[in-house]
Amino acid sequence: GAEFTVALAEGAEPTVVSTSARGGQIVNYSCGKDVDGHTVTVTIDDGSESASADFTVFLVLREDRWKVWGVY
């Protein structure tokens, strides 16, 4: 599996701030409607005031399992 190292500020608690059943316009535009229709985005907030350490993972459902195809 993939590992992501994130330095957290003291007292900060990471949370999942959004999920969606579709990747949205960025996925539809760059990958097409078939990929977009099977993509879930999960955005992780590092718990700080800054958005710089937040990230979004793009998962696509394939025949055999969910696969990460992008991180932003």
Protein backbone atom coordinates (compact mmCIF):
# COMPACT_ATOMS: atom_id res chain seq x y z
CA GLY A 1 0.00 0.00 0.00
CA ALA A 2 0.89 3.63 -0.37
CA GLU A 3 2.23 5.63 2.55
CA PHE A 4 2.01 9.39 2.97
CA THR A 5 4.14 11.20 5.52
CA VAL A 6 2.46 14.26 7.01
CA ALA A 7 3.99 16.45 9.73
CA LEU A 8 1.22 17.55 12.08
CA ALA A 9 1.26 20.64 14.25
CA GLU A 10 1.07 19.91 17.97
CA GLY A 11 -2.56 19.33 18.95
CA ALA A 12 -3.76 19.04 15.34
CA GLU A 13 -6.03 16.11 14.56
CA PRO A 14 -6.46 14.97 10.94
CA THR A 15 -10.01 14.39 9.67
CA VAL A 16 -11.72 13.29 6.49
CA VAL A 17 -13.52 16.42 5.37
CA SER A 18 -15.27 15.29 2.22
CA THR A 19 -16.11 12.32 0.11
CA SER A 20 -18.04 12.14 -3.10
CA ALA A 21 -19.41 9.41 -5.31
CA ARG A 22 -17.85 11.02 -8.36
CA GLY A 23 -14.55 12.67 -9.09
CA GLY A 24 -16.14 15.87 -10.36
CA GLN A 25 -15.32 18.11 -13.29
CA ILE A 26 -11.56 17.69 -13.05
CA VAL A 27 -11.86 13.91 -13.41
CA ASN A 28 -14.53 14.06 -16.08
CA TYR A 29 -12.50 16.53 -18.14
CA SER A 30 -9.15 14.74 -17.86
CA CYS A 31 -10.20 11.08 -17.73
CA GLY A 32 -13.67 10.87 -19.25
CA LYS A 33 -17.13 10.04 -17.96
CA ASP A 34 -16.49 6.30 -17.47
CA VAL A 35 -13.62 6.88 -15.02
CA ASP A 36 -15.48 9.79 -13.41
CA GLY A 37 -18.54 7.61 -12.83
CA HIS A 38 -16.48 5.09 -10.88
CA THR A 39 -14.28 7.50 -8.91
CA VAL A 40 -14.54 8.43 -5.25
CA THR A 41 -12.57 11.32 -3.78
CA VAL A 42 -11.54 11.45 -0.14
CA THR A 43 -10.05 14.70 1.19
CA ILE A 44 -7.93 14.60 4.34
CA ASP A 45 -7.56 17.78 6.41
CA ASP A 46 -4.38 17.75 8.52
CA GLY A 47 -6.11 19.74 11.27
CA SER A 48 -4.11 22.95 10.85
CA GLU A 49 -5.18 26.38 9.64
CA SER A 50 -3.13 25.90 6.47
CA ALA A 51 -4.48 23.97 3.50
CA SER A 52 -0.94 23.14 2.33
CA ALA A 53 -0.78 19.75 4.08
CA ASP A 54 -4.33 18.74 3.10
CA PHE A 55 -4.61 16.21 0.31
CA THR A 56 -7.19 14.38 -1.79
CA VAL A 57 -6.96 10.74 -2.79
CA PHE A 58 -8.74 9.62 -5.97
CA LEU A 59 -9.97 6.01 -5.91
CA VAL A 60 -11.47 4.19 -8.87
CA LEU A 61 -13.49 0.99 -8.62
CA ARG A 62 -12.15 -1.68 -10.96
CA GLU A 63 -13.38 -5.24 -11.48
CA ASP A 64 -10.95 -6.66 -8.90
CA ARG A 65 -10.88 -3.85 -6.24
CA TRP A 66 -10.57 -0.15 -5.44
CA LYS A 67 -7.36 1.40 -6.78
CA VAL A 68 -5.70 4.72 -6.01
CA TRP A 69 -5.07 6.49 -9.29
CA GLY A 70 -4.20 9.95 -8.08
CA VAL A 71 -3.29 12.09 -5.10
CA TYR A 72 -3.50 15.87 -5.14
